[in-house]
Amino acid sequence: MKWFSALDGEGRGQLLAFAEFLYGRRPRKPEVVEPREIPRPTEESVVKAIRRLSESYPMLDRGKVLHETSMLMSQHVMQGRPAVEVVDDLELLFRRHYGEWRQSVDEAEGEDAAAEITGG
């Protein structure tokens, strides 16, 4: 604080601008978002289910679910697996990924709280 008060107006402004810059670069905790409840239609194509689930779980990294989603899609298209079974598995897949995401957020919050307590 003594250094700040020793600065002239221009120096204080530069120091505050730098502090704002550093503040903007800090890692941010992901906001905990609950999935959007979009009801499943009685008849739904696999593509529409993927769209619905992507909208229901916007917090998920689509790249992380892409591989498993495309495997399920190919089971439907290439192997003739019924859409209703694939959609059931897609719902389980998105729920599992949400659970993993939520756990990582909760663990990060726990680490932040521990760091605040220990001063580290």
PDB file of N, CA and C in Angstrom:
ATOM      1  N   MET A   1       0.813  -1.192   0.000  1.00  0.00           N
ATOM      2  CA  MET A   1       0.000   0.000   0.000  1.00  0.00           C
ATOM      3  C   MET A   1       0.862   1.263   0.000  1.00  0.00           C
ATOM      4  N   LYS A   2       1.993   1.219   0.680  1.00  0.00           N
ATOM      5  CA  LYS A   2       2.814   2.431   0.714  1.00  0.00           C
ATOM      6  C   LYS A   2       3.343   2.755  -0.675  1.00  0.00           C
ATOM      7  N   TRP A   3       3.564   1.734  -1.489  1.00  0.00           N
ATOM      8  CA  TRP A   3       4.067   1.985  -2.847  1.00  0.00           C
ATOM      9  C   TRP A   3       2.985   2.638  -3.688  1.00  0.00           C
ATOM     10  N   PHE A   4       1.763   2.174  -3.517  1.00  0.00           N
ATOM     11  CA  PHE A   4       0.648   2.731  -4.281  1.00  0.00           C
ATOM     12  C   PHE A   4       0.477   4.208  -3.948  1.00  0.00           C
ATOM     13  N   SER A   5       0.491   4.538  -2.657  1.00  0.00           N
ATOM     14  CA  SER A   5       0.289   5.940  -2.265  1.00  0.00           C
ATOM     15  C   SER A   5       1.474   6.819  -2.656  1.00  0.00           C
ATOM     16  N   ALA A   6       2.636   6.214  -2.874  1.00  0.00           N
ATOM     17  CA  ALA A   6       3.812   6.990  -3.283  1.00  0.00           C
ATOM     18  C   ALA A   6       3.785   7.337  -4.768  1.00  0.00           C
ATOM     19  N   LEU A   7       2.917   6.663  -5.525  1.00  0.00           N
ATOM     20  CA  LEU A   7       2.836   6.917  -6.965  1.00  0.00           C
ATOM     21  C   LEU A   7       2.011   8.159  -7.256  1.00  0.00           C
ATOM     22  N   ASP A   8       2.323   8.799  -8.390  1.00  0.00           N
ATOM     23  CA  ASP A   8       1.488   9.912  -8.823  1.00  0.00           C
ATOM     24  C   ASP A   8       0.230   9.350  -9.494  1.00  0.00           C
ATOM     25  N   GLY A   9      -0.646  10.214  -9.911  1.00  0.00           N
ATOM     26  CA  GLY A   9      -1.921   9.798 -10.507  1.00  0.00           C
ATOM     27  C   GLY A   9      -1.754   8.899 -11.714  1.00  0.00           C
ATOM     28  N   GLU A  10      -0.803   9.223 -12.588  1.00  0.00           N
ATOM     29  CA  GLU A  10      -0.573   8.399 -13.782  1.00  0.00           C
ATOM     30  C   GLU A  10      -0.055   7.023 -13.393  1.00  0.00           C
ATOM     31  N   GLY A  11       0.862   6.964 -12.447  1.00  0.00           N
ATOM     32  CA  GLY A  11       1.412   5.686 -11.989  1.00  0.00           C
ATOM     33  C   GLY A  11       0.349   4.812 -11.346  1.00  0.00           C
ATOM     34  N   ARG A  12      -0.529   5.425 -10.559  1.00  0.00           N
ATOM     35  CA  ARG A  12      -1.631   4.671  -9.940  1.00  0.00           C
ATOM     36  C   ARG A  12      -2.563   4.099 -11.008  1.00  0.00           C
ATOM     37  N   GLY A  13      -2.845   4.930 -12.007  1.00  0.00           N
ATOM     38  CA  GLY A  13      -3.703   4.460 -13.102  1.00  0.00           C
ATOM     39  C   GLY A  13      -3.086   3.282 -13.839  1.00  0.00           C
ATOM     40  N   GLN A  14      -1.780   3.336 -14.082  1.00  0.00           N
ATOM     41  CA  GLN A  14      -1.094   2.234 -14.765  1.00  0.00           C
ATOM     42  C   GLN A  14      -1.107   0.978 -13.904  1.00  0.00           C
ATOM     43  N   LEU A  15      -0.873   1.151 -12.604  1.00  0.00           N
ATOM     44  CA  LEU A  15      -0.882   0.005 -11.697  1.00  0.00           C
ATOM     45  C   LEU A  15      -2.264  -0.639 -11.647  1.00  0.00           C
ATOM     46  N   LEU A  16      -3.307   0.166 -11.593  1.00  0.00           N
ATOM     47  CA  LEU A  16      -4.669  -0.367 -11.586  1.00  0.00           C
ATOM     48  C   LEU A  16      -4.999  -1.052 -12.913  1.00  0.00           C
ATOM     49  N   ALA A  17      -4.545  -0.496 -14.018  1.00  0.00           N
ATOM     50  CA  ALA A  17      -4.778  -1.122 -15.324  1.00  0.00           C
ATOM     51  C   ALA A  17      -4.090  -2.476 -15.387  1.00  0.00           C
ATOM     52  N   PHE A  18      -2.884  -2.562 -14.856  1.00  0.00           N
ATOM     53  CA  PHE A  18      -2.173  -3.835 -14.842  1.00  0.00           C
ATOM     54  C   PHE A  18      -2.881  -4.837 -13.933  1.00  0.00           C
ATOM     55  N   ALA A  19      -3.380  -4.368 -12.793  1.00  0.00           N
ATOM     56  CA  ALA A  19      -4.117  -5.250 -11.883  1.00  0.00           C
ATOM     57  C   ALA A  19      -5.371  -5.790 -12.565  1.00  0.00           C
ATOM     58  N   GLU A  20      -6.074  -4.937 -13.317  1.00  0.00           N
ATOM     59  CA  GLU A  20      -7.254  -5.386 -14.057  1.00  0.00           C
ATOM     60  C   GLU A  20      -6.877  -6.421 -15.107  1.00  0.00           C
ATOM     61  N   PHE A  21      -5.758  -6.200 -15.773  1.00  0.00           N
ATOM     62  CA  PHE A  21      -5.275  -7.155 -16.764  1.00  0.00           C
ATOM     63  C   PHE A  21      -5.003  -8.510 -16.107  1.00  0.00           C
ATOM     64  N   LEU A  22      -4.295  -8.513 -14.989  1.00  0.00           N
ATOM     65  CA  LEU A  22      -3.993  -9.766 -14.291  1.00  0.00           C
ATOM     66  C   LEU A  22      -5.265 -10.439 -13.785  1.00  0.00           C
ATOM     67  N   TYR A  23      -6.186  -9.657 -13.306  1.00  0.00           N
ATOM     68  CA  TYR A  23      -7.460 -10.188 -12.822  1.00  0.00           C
ATOM     69  C   TYR A  23      -8.205 -10.902 -13.954  1.00  0.00           C
ATOM     70  N   GLY A  24      -8.176 -10.343 -15.139  1.00  0.00           N
ATOM     71  CA  GLY A  24      -8.850 -10.953 -16.286  1.00  0.00           C
ATOM     72  C   GLY A  24      -8.206 -12.250 -16.741  1.00  0.00           C
ATOM     73  N   ARG A  25      -6.934 -12.454 -16.429  1.00  0.00           N
ATOM     74  CA  ARG A  25      -6.215 -13.668 -16.848  1.00  0.00           C
ATOM     75  C   ARG A  25      -6.344 -14.810 -15.853  1.00  0.00           C
ATOM     76  N   ARG A  26      -6.904 -14.553 -14.679  1.00  0.00           N
ATOM     77  CA  ARG A  26      -6.950 -15.590 -13.651  1.00  0.00           C
ATOM     78  C   ARG A  26      -7.831 -16.751 -14.108  1.00  0.00           C
ATOM     79  N   PRO A  27      -7.505 -17.957 -13.645  1.00  0.00           N
ATOM     80  CA  PRO A  27      -8.366 -19.096 -13.991  1.00  0.00           C
ATOM     81  C   PRO A  27      -9.727 -18.922 -13.330  1.00  0.00           C
ATOM     82  N   ARG A  28     -10.726 -19.200 -14.078  1.00  0.00           N
ATOM     83  CA  ARG A  28     -12.084 -19.064 -13.542  1.00  0.00           C
ATOM     84  C   ARG A  28     -12.670 -20.435 -13.281  1.00  0.00           C
ATOM     85  N   LYS A  29     -13.384 -20.519 -12.175  1.00  0.00           N
ATOM     86  CA  LYS A  29     -14.082 -21.757 -11.854  1.00  0.00           C
ATOM     87  C   LYS A  29     -15.282 -21.879 -12.791  1.00  0.00           C
ATOM     88  N   PRO A  30     -15.498 -23.070 -13.330  1.00  0.00           N
ATOM     89  CA  PRO A  30     -16.697 -23.213 -14.151  1.00  0.00           C
ATOM     90  C   PRO A  30     -17.943 -23.053 -13.280  1.00  0.00           C
ATOM     91  N   GLU A  31     -18.908 -22.381 -13.822  1.00  0.00           N
ATOM     92  CA  GLU A  31     -20.149 -22.181 -13.092  1.00  0.00           C
ATOM     93  C   GLU A  31     -20.928 -23.489 -13.089  1.00  0.00           C
ATOM     94  N   VAL A  32     -21.411 -23.860 -11.912  1.00  0.00           N
ATOM     95  CA  VAL A  32     -22.194 -25.087 -11.813  1.00  0.00           C
ATOM     96  C   VAL A  32     -23.557 -24.811 -12.417  1.00  0.00           C
ATOM     97  N   VAL A  33     -23.850 -25.559 -13.434  1.00  0.00           N
ATOM     98  CA  VAL A  33     -25.107 -25.408 -14.147  1.00  0.00           C
ATOM     99  C   VAL A  33     -25.813 -26.760 -14.116  1.00  0.00           C
ATOM    100  N   GLU A  34     -27.062 -26.722 -13.767  1.00  0.00           N
ATOM    101  CA  GLU A  34     -27.854 -27.948 -13.798  1.00  0.00           C
ATOM    102  C   GLU A  34     -28.316 -28.190 -15.239  1.00  0.00           C
ATOM    103  N   PRO A  35     -28.451 -29.445 -15.617  1.00  0.00           N
ATOM    104  CA  PRO A  35     -28.934 -29.737 -16.978  1.00  0.00           C
ATOM    105  C   PRO A  35     -30.334 -29.159 -17.193  1.00  0.00           C
ATOM    106  N   ARG A  36     -30.567 -28.730 -18.410  1.00  0.00           N
ATOM    107  CA  ARG A  36     -31.905 -28.257 -18.808  1.00  0.00           C
ATOM    108  C   ARG A  36     -32.780 -29.466 -19.047  1.00  0.00           C
ATOM    109  N   GLU A  37     -33.919 -29.491 -18.439  1.00  0.00           N
ATOM    110  CA  GLU A  37     -34.839 -30.611 -18.634  1.00  0.00           C
ATOM    111  C   GLU A  37     -35.647 -30.394 -19.915  1.00  0.00           C
ATOM    112  N   ILE A  38     -35.261 -31.112 -20.959  1.00  0.00           N
ATOM    113  CA  ILE A  38     -36.020 -31.087 -22.211  1.00  0.00           C
ATOM    114  C   ILE A  38     -36.638 -32.471 -22.346  1.00  0.00           C
ATOM    115  N   PRO A  39     -37.948 -32.562 -22.281  1.00  0.00           N
ATOM    116  CA  PRO A  39     -38.601 -33.874 -22.310  1.00  0.00           C
ATOM    117  C   PRO A  39     -38.282 -34.657 -23.584  1.00  0.00           C
ATOM    118  N   ARG A  40     -38.136 -35.936 -23.407  1.00  0.00           N
ATOM    119  CA  ARG A  40     -37.868 -36.832 -24.541  1.00  0.00           C
ATOM    120  C   ARG A  40     -39.184 -37.147 -25.237  1.00  0.00           C
ATOM    121  N   PRO A  41     -39.250 -36.909 -26.537  1.00  0.00           N
ATOM    122  CA  PRO A  41     -40.466 -37.272 -27.274  1.00  0.00           C
ATOM    123  C   PRO A  41     -40.645 -38.788 -27.316  1.00  0.00           C
ATOM    124  N   THR A  42     -41.864 -39.223 -27.546  1.00  0.00           N
ATOM    125  CA  THR A  42     -42.119 -40.664 -27.597  1.00  0.00           C
ATOM    126  C   THR A  42     -41.366 -41.315 -28.745  1.00  0.00           C
ATOM    127  N   GLU A  43     -41.290 -40.635 -29.865  1.00  0.00           N
ATOM    128  CA  GLU A  43     -40.490 -41.128 -30.990  1.00  0.00           C
ATOM    129  C   GLU A  43     -39.483 -40.047 -31.337  1.00  0.00           C
ATOM    130  N   GLU A  44     -38.207 -40.457 -31.352  1.00  0.00           N
ATOM    131  CA  GLU A  44     -37.143 -39.485 -31.581  1.00  0.00           C
ATOM    132  C   GLU A  44     -36.026 -40.145 -32.366  1.00  0.00           C
ATOM    133  N   SER A  45     -35.526 -39.449 -33.365  1.00  0.00           N
ATOM    134  CA  SER A  45     -34.390 -39.982 -34.124  1.00  0.00           C
ATOM    135  C   SER A  45     -33.125 -39.809 -33.292  1.00  0.00           C
ATOM    136  N   VAL A  46     -32.100 -40.535 -33.659  1.00  0.00           N
ATOM    137  CA  VAL A  46     -30.826 -40.454 -32.948  1.00  0.00           C
ATOM    138  C   VAL A  46     -30.235 -39.053 -33.097  1.00  0.00           C
ATOM    139  N   VAL A  47     -30.315 -38.490 -34.277  1.00  0.00           N
ATOM    140  CA  VAL A  47     -29.779 -37.148 -34.514  1.00  0.00           C
ATOM    141  C   VAL A  47     -30.510 -36.119 -33.650  1.00  0.00           C
ATOM    142  N   LYS A  48     -31.826 -36.195 -33.603  1.00  0.00           N
ATOM    143  CA  LYS A  48     -32.590 -35.249 -32.780  1.00  0.00           C
ATOM    144  C   LYS A  48     -32.296 -35.455 -31.297  1.00  0.00           C
ATOM    145  N   ALA A  49     -32.058 -36.688 -30.895  1.00  0.00           N
ATOM    146  CA  ALA A  49     -31.713 -36.954 -29.493  1.00  0.00           C
ATOM    147  C   ALA A  49     -30.367 -36.320 -29.144  1.00  0.00           C
ATOM    148  N   ILE A  50     -29.414 -36.418 -30.056  1.00  0.00           N
ATOM    149  CA  ILE A  50     -28.099 -35.805 -29.817  1.00  0.00           C
ATOM    150  C   ILE A  50     -28.254 -34.292 -29.678  1.00  0.00           C
ATOM    151  N   ARG A  51     -29.068 -33.688 -30.537  1.00  0.00           N
ATOM    152  CA  ARG A  51     -29.317 -32.247 -30.451  1.00  0.00           C
ATOM    153  C   ARG A  51     -29.981 -31.890 -29.117  1.00  0.00           C
ATOM    154  N   ARG A  52     -31.001 -32.664 -28.742  1.00  0.00           N
ATOM    155  CA  ARG A  52     -31.717 -32.397 -27.490  1.00  0.00           C
ATOM    156  C   ARG A  52     -30.790 -32.525 -26.294  1.00  0.00           C
ATOM    157  N   LEU A  53     -29.977 -33.572 -26.279  1.00  0.00           N
ATOM    158  CA  LEU A  53     -29.071 -33.784 -25.156  1.00  0.00           C
ATOM    159  C   LEU A  53     -27.958 -32.736 -25.121  1.00  0.00           C
ATOM    160  N   SER A  54     -27.504 -32.299 -26.287  1.00  0.00           N
ATOM    161  CA  SER A  54     -26.504 -31.224 -26.328  1.00  0.00           C
ATOM    162  C   SER A  54     -27.077 -29.936 -25.759  1.00  0.00           C
ATOM    163  N   GLU A  55     -28.349 -29.667 -26.036  1.00  0.00           N
ATOM    164  CA  GLU A  55     -29.011 -28.494 -25.471  1.00  0.00           C
ATOM    165  C   GLU A  55     -29.262 -28.674 -23.977  1.00  0.00           C
ATOM    166  N   SER A  56     -29.538 -29.898 -23.561  1.00  0.00           N
ATOM    167  CA  SER A  56     -29.794 -30.179 -22.146  1.00  0.00           C
ATOM    168  C   SER A  56     -28.537 -30.056 -21.304  1.00  0.00           C
ATOM    169  N   TYR A  57     -27.391 -30.359 -21.900  1.00  0.00           N
ATOM    170  CA  TYR A  57     -26.117 -30.355 -21.183  1.00  0.00           C
ATOM    171  C   TYR A  57     -25.124 -29.403 -21.856  1.00  0.00           C
ATOM    172  N   PRO A  58     -25.429 -28.091 -21.870  1.00  0.00           N
ATOM    173  CA  PRO A  58     -24.554 -27.150 -22.575  1.00  0.00           C
ATOM    174  C   PRO A  58     -23.182 -26.993 -21.914  1.00  0.00           C
ATOM    175  N   MET A  59     -23.058 -27.416 -20.658  1.00  0.00           N
ATOM    176  CA  MET A  59     -21.796 -27.248 -19.942  1.00  0.00           C
ATOM    177  C   MET A  59     -20.753 -28.279 -20.355  1.00  0.00           C
ATOM    178  N   LEU A  60     -21.155 -29.322 -21.044  1.00  0.00           N
ATOM    179  CA  LEU A  60     -20.222 -30.385 -21.414  1.00  0.00           C
ATOM    180  C   LEU A  60     -19.396 -29.999 -22.636  1.00  0.00           C
ATOM    181  N   ASP A  61     -18.165 -30.437 -22.622  1.00  0.00           N
ATOM    182  CA  ASP A  61     -17.266 -30.250 -23.759  1.00  0.00           C
ATOM    183  C   ASP A  61     -17.687 -31.261 -24.823  1.00  0.00           C
ATOM    184  N   ARG A  62     -18.201 -30.767 -25.916  1.00  0.00           N
ATOM    185  CA  ARG A  62     -18.714 -31.670 -26.963  1.00  0.00           C
ATOM    186  C   ARG A  62     -17.635 -32.584 -27.511  1.00  0.00           C
ATOM    187  N   GLY A  63     -16.403 -32.118 -27.513  1.00  0.00           N
ATOM    188  CA  GLY A  63     -15.299 -32.954 -27.991  1.00  0.00           C
ATOM    189  C   GLY A  63     -15.123 -34.199 -27.150  1.00  0.00           C
ATOM    190  N   LYS A  64     -15.396 -34.088 -25.857  1.00  0.00           N
ATOM    191  CA  LYS A  64     -15.233 -35.232 -24.965  1.00  0.00           C
ATOM    192  C   LYS A  64     -16.295 -36.304 -25.174  1.00  0.00           C
ATOM    193  N   VAL A  65     -17.491 -35.897 -25.592  1.00  0.00           N
ATOM    194  CA  VAL A  65     -18.558 -36.878 -25.807  1.00  0.00           C
ATOM    195  C   VAL A  65     -18.674 -37.302 -27.270  1.00  0.00           C
ATOM    196  N   LEU A  66     -17.945 -36.619 -28.147  1.00  0.00           N
ATOM    197  CA  LEU A  66     -18.066 -36.872 -29.584  1.00  0.00           C
ATOM    198  C   LEU A  66     -17.737 -38.314 -29.962  1.00  0.00           C
ATOM    199  N   HIS A  67     -16.649 -38.850 -29.454  1.00  0.00           N
ATOM    200  CA  HIS A  67     -16.225 -40.204 -29.835  1.00  0.00           C
ATOM    201  C   HIS A  67     -17.299 -41.237 -29.488  1.00  0.00           C
ATOM    202  N   GLU A  68     -17.770 -41.190 -28.250  1.00  0.00           N
ATOM    203  CA  GLU A  68     -18.778 -42.163 -27.829  1.00  0.00           C
ATOM    204  C   GLU A  68     -20.106 -41.939 -28.546  1.00  0.00           C
ATOM    205  N   THR A  69     -20.442 -40.672 -28.776  1.00  0.00           N
ATOM    206  CA  THR A  69     -21.681 -40.352 -29.489  1.00  0.00           C
ATOM    207  C   THR A  69     -21.627 -40.890 -30.918  1.00  0.00           C
ATOM    208  N   SER A  70     -20.493 -40.706 -31.575  1.00  0.00           N
ATOM    209  CA  SER A  70     -20.377 -41.181 -32.963  1.00  0.00           C
ATOM    210  C   SER A  70     -20.371 -42.703 -33.024  1.00  0.00           C
ATOM    211  N   MET A  71     -19.822 -43.354 -32.004  1.00  0.00           N
ATOM    212  CA  MET A  71     -19.869 -44.826 -31.973  1.00  0.00           C
ATOM    213  C   MET A  71     -21.318 -45.310 -31.885  1.00  0.00           C
ATOM    214  N   LEU A  72     -22.099 -44.669 -31.024  1.00  0.00           N
ATOM    215  CA  LEU A  72     -23.506 -45.050 -30.896  1.00  0.00           C
ATOM    216  C   LEU A  72     -24.272 -44.759 -32.177  1.00  0.00           C
ATOM    217  N   MET A  73     -23.979 -43.633 -32.801  1.00  0.00           N
ATOM    218  CA  MET A  73     -24.635 -43.290 -34.064  1.00  0.00           C
ATOM    219  C   MET A  73     -24.312 -44.327 -35.131  1.00  0.00           C
ATOM    220  N   SER A  74     -23.063 -44.754 -35.204  1.00  0.00           N
ATOM    221  CA  SER A  74     -22.698 -45.745 -36.222  1.00  0.00           C
ATOM    222  C   SER A  74     -23.322 -47.109 -35.926  1.00  0.00           C
ATOM    223  N   GLN A  75     -23.524 -47.432 -34.654  1.00  0.00           N
ATOM    224  CA  GLN A  75     -24.224 -48.682 -34.334  1.00  0.00           C
ATOM    225  C   GLN A  75     -25.642 -48.648 -34.899  1.00  0.00           C
ATOM    226  N   HIS A  76     -26.244 -47.483 -34.842  1.00  0.00           N
ATOM    227  CA  HIS A  76     -27.598 -47.337 -35.370  1.00  0.00           C
ATOM    228  C   HIS A  76     -27.603 -47.381 -36.895  1.00  0.00           C
ATOM    229  N   VAL A  77     -26.726 -46.596 -37.512  1.00  0.00           N
ATOM    230  CA  VAL A  77     -26.730 -46.468 -38.968  1.00  0.00           C
ATOM    231  C   VAL A  77     -26.138 -47.697 -39.649  1.00  0.00           C
ATOM    232  N   MET A  78     -24.985 -48.140 -39.185  1.00  0.00           N
ATOM    233  CA  MET A  78     -24.257 -49.208 -39.869  1.00  0.00           C
ATOM    234  C   MET A  78     -24.713 -50.612 -39.456  1.00  0.00           C
ATOM    235  N   GLN A  79     -25.091 -50.758 -38.180  1.00  0.00           N
ATOM    236  CA  GLN A  79     -25.433 -52.085 -37.681  1.00  0.00           C
ATOM    237  C   GLN A  79     -26.936 -52.280 -37.487  1.00  0.00           C
ATOM    238  N   GLY A  80     -27.708 -51.238 -37.721  1.00  0.00           N
ATOM    239  CA  GLY A  80     -29.157 -51.363 -37.631  1.00  0.00           C
ATOM    240  C   GLY A  80     -29.704 -51.448 -36.212  1.00  0.00           C
ATOM    241  N   ARG A  81     -28.943 -50.995 -35.254  1.00  0.00           N
ATOM    242  CA  ARG A  81     -29.421 -51.020 -33.869  1.00  0.00           C
ATOM    243  C   ARG A  81     -30.607 -50.069 -33.744  1.00  0.00           C
ATOM    244  N   PRO A  82     -31.683 -50.478 -33.077  1.00  0.00           N
ATOM    245  CA  PRO A  82     -32.878 -49.631 -32.987  1.00  0.00           C
ATOM    246  C   PRO A  82     -32.600 -48.272 -32.341  1.00  0.00           C
ATOM    247  N   ALA A  83     -33.219 -47.252 -32.888  1.00  0.00           N
ATOM    248  CA  ALA A  83     -33.014 -45.880 -32.418  1.00  0.00           C
ATOM    249  C   ALA A  83     -33.342 -45.748 -30.936  1.00  0.00           C
ATOM    250  N   VAL A  84     -34.398 -46.379 -30.482  1.00  0.00           N
ATOM    251  CA  VAL A  84     -34.804 -46.232 -29.080  1.00  0.00           C
ATOM    252  C   VAL A  84     -33.702 -46.737 -28.130  1.00  0.00           C
ATOM    253  N   GLU A  85     -33.018 -47.810 -28.506  1.00  0.00           N
ATOM    254  CA  GLU A  85     -31.915 -48.326 -27.678  1.00  0.00           C
ATOM    255  C   GLU A  85     -30.728 -47.361 -27.692  1.00  0.00           C
ATOM    256  N   VAL A  86     -30.422 -46.846 -28.855  1.00  0.00           N
ATOM    257  CA  VAL A  86     -29.299 -45.915 -28.982  1.00  0.00           C
ATOM    258  C   VAL A  86     -29.587 -44.635 -28.201  1.00  0.00           C
ATOM    259  N   VAL A  87     -30.811 -44.142 -28.273  1.00  0.00           N
ATOM    260  CA  VAL A  87     -31.177 -42.931 -27.534  1.00  0.00           C
ATOM    261  C   VAL A  87     -31.078 -43.190 -26.023  1.00  0.00           C
ATOM    262  N   ASP A  88     -31.502 -44.381 -25.578  1.00  0.00           N
ATOM    263  CA  ASP A  88     -31.347 -44.734 -24.156  1.00  0.00           C
ATOM    264  C   ASP A  88     -29.877 -44.647 -23.748  1.00  0.00           C
ATOM    265  N   ASP A  89     -29.009 -45.201 -24.585  1.00  0.00           N
ATOM    266  CA  ASP A  89     -27.577 -45.186 -24.287  1.00  0.00           C
ATOM    267  C   ASP A  89     -27.001 -43.769 -24.361  1.00  0.00           C
ATOM    268  N   LEU A  90     -27.513 -42.962 -25.281  1.00  0.00           N
ATOM    269  CA  LEU A  90     -27.061 -41.571 -25.365  1.00  0.00           C
ATOM    270  C   LEU A  90     -27.415 -40.807 -24.088  1.00  0.00           C
ATOM    271  N   GLU A  91     -28.617 -41.055 -23.579  1.00  0.00           N
ATOM    272  CA  GLU A  91     -29.012 -40.381 -22.340  1.00  0.00           C
ATOM    273  C   GLU A  91     -28.102 -40.787 -21.191  1.00  0.00           C
ATOM    274  N   LEU A  92     -27.771 -42.077 -21.111  1.00  0.00           N
ATOM    275  CA  LEU A  92     -26.845 -42.541 -20.074  1.00  0.00           C
ATOM    276  C   LEU A  92     -25.460 -41.916 -20.257  1.00  0.00           C
ATOM    277  N   LEU A  93     -25.017 -41.835 -21.497  1.00  0.00           N
ATOM    278  CA  LEU A  93     -23.715 -41.255 -21.816  1.00  0.00           C
ATOM    279  C   LEU A  93     -23.638 -39.797 -21.354  1.00  0.00           C
ATOM    280  N   PHE A  94     -24.645 -39.006 -21.695  1.00  0.00           N
ATOM    281  CA  PHE A  94     -24.633 -37.600 -21.309  1.00  0.00           C
ATOM    282  C   PHE A  94     -24.732 -37.448 -19.791  1.00  0.00           C
ATOM    283  N   ARG A  95     -25.545 -38.286 -19.138  1.00  0.00           N
ATOM    284  CA  ARG A  95     -25.636 -38.223 -17.672  1.00  0.00           C
ATOM    285  C   ARG A  95     -24.298 -38.556 -17.029  1.00  0.00           C
ATOM    286  N   ARG A  96     -23.616 -39.564 -17.570  1.00  0.00           N
ATOM    287  CA  ARG A  96     -22.307 -39.959 -17.020  1.00  0.00           C
ATOM    288  C   ARG A  96     -21.293 -38.825 -17.184  1.00  0.00           C
ATOM    289  N   HIS A  97     -21.250 -38.245 -18.366  1.00  0.00           N
ATOM    290  CA  HIS A  97     -20.321 -37.141 -18.600  1.00  0.00           C
ATOM    291  C   HIS A  97     -20.656 -35.935 -17.714  1.00  0.00           C
ATOM    292  N   TYR A  98     -21.944 -35.694 -17.491  1.00  0.00           N
ATOM    293  CA  TYR A  98     -22.329 -34.606 -16.593  1.00  0.00           C
ATOM    294  C   TYR A  98     -21.845 -34.913 -15.173  1.00  0.00           C
ATOM    295  N   GLY A  99     -22.012 -36.150 -14.727  1.00  0.00           N
ATOM    296  CA  GLY A  99     -21.541 -36.542 -13.399  1.00  0.00           C
ATOM    297  C   GLY A  99     -20.043 -36.350 -13.252  1.00  0.00           C
ATOM    298  N   GLU A 100     -19.286 -36.716 -14.283  1.00  0.00           N
ATOM    299  CA  GLU A 100     -17.830 -36.531 -14.255  1.00  0.00           C
ATOM    300  C   GLU A 100     -17.475 -35.043 -14.232  1.00  0.00           C
ATOM    301  N   TRP A 101     -18.190 -34.255 -15.044  1.00  0.00           N
ATOM    302  CA  TRP A 101     -17.951 -32.813 -15.076  1.00  0.00           C
ATOM    303  C   TRP A 101     -18.256 -32.200 -13.721  1.00  0.00           C
ATOM    304  N   ARG A 102     -19.383 -32.590 -13.149  1.00  0.00           N
ATOM    305  CA  ARG A 102     -19.803 -32.044 -11.850  1.00  0.00           C
ATOM    306  C   ARG A 102     -18.783 -32.406 -10.768  1.00  0.00           C
ATOM    307  N   GLN A 103     -18.282 -33.638 -10.809  1.00  0.00           N
ATOM    308  CA  GLN A 103     -17.284 -34.065  -9.829  1.00  0.00           C
ATOM    309  C   GLN A 103     -16.010 -33.235  -9.952  1.00  0.00           C
ATOM    310  N   SER A 104     -15.582 -32.959 -11.189  1.00  0.00           N
ATOM    311  CA  SER A 104     -14.367 -32.158 -11.377  1.00  0.00           C
ATOM    312  C   SER A 104     -14.568 -30.735 -10.870  1.00  0.00           C
ATOM    313  N   VAL A 105     -15.759 -30.177 -11.068  1.00  0.00           N
ATOM    314  CA  VAL A 105     -16.056 -28.836 -10.563  1.00  0.00           C
ATOM    315  C   VAL A 105     -16.059 -28.847  -9.040  1.00  0.00           C
ATOM    316  N   ASP A 106     -16.695 -29.846  -8.440  1.00  0.00           N
ATOM    317  CA  ASP A 106     -16.744 -29.943  -6.987  1.00  0.00           C
ATOM    318  C   ASP A 106     -15.348 -30.113  -6.398  1.00  0.00           C
ATOM    319  N   GLU A 107     -14.504 -30.922  -7.042  1.00  0.00           N
ATOM    320  CA  GLU A 107     -13.133 -31.113  -6.567  1.00  0.00           C
ATOM    321  C   GLU A 107     -12.339 -29.814  -6.670  1.00  0.00           C
ATOM    322  N   ALA A 108     -12.528 -29.080  -7.763  1.00  0.00           N
ATOM    323  CA  ALA A 108     -11.829 -27.805  -7.933  1.00  0.00           C
ATOM    324  C   ALA A 108     -12.259 -26.812  -6.859  1.00  0.00           C
ATOM    325  N   GLU A 109     -13.540 -26.794  -6.537  1.00  0.00           N
ATOM    326  CA  GLU A 109     -14.025 -25.901  -5.478  1.00  0.00           C
ATOM    327  C   GLU A 109     -13.441 -26.313  -4.132  1.00  0.00           C
ATOM    328  N   GLY A 110     -13.311 -27.625  -3.895  1.00  0.00           N
ATOM    329  CA  GLY A 110     -12.721 -28.108  -2.651  1.00  0.00           C
ATOM    330  C   GLY A 110     -11.259 -27.718  -2.549  1.00  0.00           C
ATOM    331  N   GLU A 111     -10.536 -27.795  -3.654  1.00  0.00           N
ATOM    332  CA  GLU A 111      -9.130 -27.395  -3.662  1.00  0.00           C
ATOM    333  C   GLU A 111      -8.989 -25.900  -3.419  1.00  0.00           C
ATOM    334  N   ASP A 112      -9.882 -25.112  -4.010  1.00  0.00           N
ATOM    335  CA  ASP A 112      -9.851 -23.660  -3.798  1.00  0.00           C
ATOM    336  C   ASP A 112     -10.122 -23.334  -2.343  1.00  0.00           C
ATOM    337  N   ALA A 113     -11.105 -24.008  -1.751  1.00  0.00           N
ATOM    338  CA  ALA A 113     -11.440 -23.751  -0.348  1.00  0.00           C
ATOM    339  C   ALA A 113     -10.279 -24.141   0.556  1.00  0.00           C
ATOM    340  N   ALA A 114      -9.623 -25.271   0.265  1.00  0.00           N
ATOM    341  CA  ALA A 114      -8.477 -25.704   1.066  1.00  0.00           C
ATOM    342  C   ALA A 114      -7.337 -24.710   0.943  1.00  0.00           C
ATOM    343  N   ALA A 115      -7.118 -24.179  -0.259  1.00  0.00           N
ATOM    344  CA  ALA A 115      -6.048 -23.198  -0.470  1.00  0.00           C
ATOM    345  C   ALA A 115      -6.336 -21.916   0.310  1.00  0.00           C
ATOM    346  N   GLU A 116      -7.606 -21.516   0.352  1.00  0.00           N
ATOM    347  CA  GLU A 116      -7.953 -20.318   1.110  1.00  0.00           C
ATOM    348  C   GLU A 116      -7.703 -20.524   2.604  1.00  0.00           C
ATOM    349  N   ILE A 117      -8.041 -21.709   3.096  1.00  0.00           N
ATOM    350  CA  ILE A 117      -7.860 -22.012   4.524  1.00  0.00           C
ATOM    351  C   ILE A 117      -6.377 -22.047   4.888  1.00  0.00           C
ATOM    352  N   THR A 118      -5.583 -22.693   4.046  1.00  0.00           N
ATOM    353  CA  THR A 118      -4.154 -22.837   4.340  1.00  0.00           C
ATOM    354  C   THR A 118      -3.348 -21.628   3.903  1.00  0.00           C
ATOM    355  N   GLY A 119      -3.982 -20.726   3.173  1.00  0.00           N
ATOM    356  CA  GLY A 119      -3.274 -19.531   2.705  1.00  0.00           C
ATOM    357  C   GLY A 119      -2.399 -19.793   1.498  1.00  0.00           C
ATOM    358  N   GLY A 120      -2.643 -20.936   0.797  1.00  0.00           N
ATOM    359  CA  GLY A 120      -1.790 -21.251  -0.372  1.00  0.00           C
ATOM    360  C   GLY A 120      -2.489 -21.230  -1.592  1.00  0.00           C
TER     361      GLY A 120
END
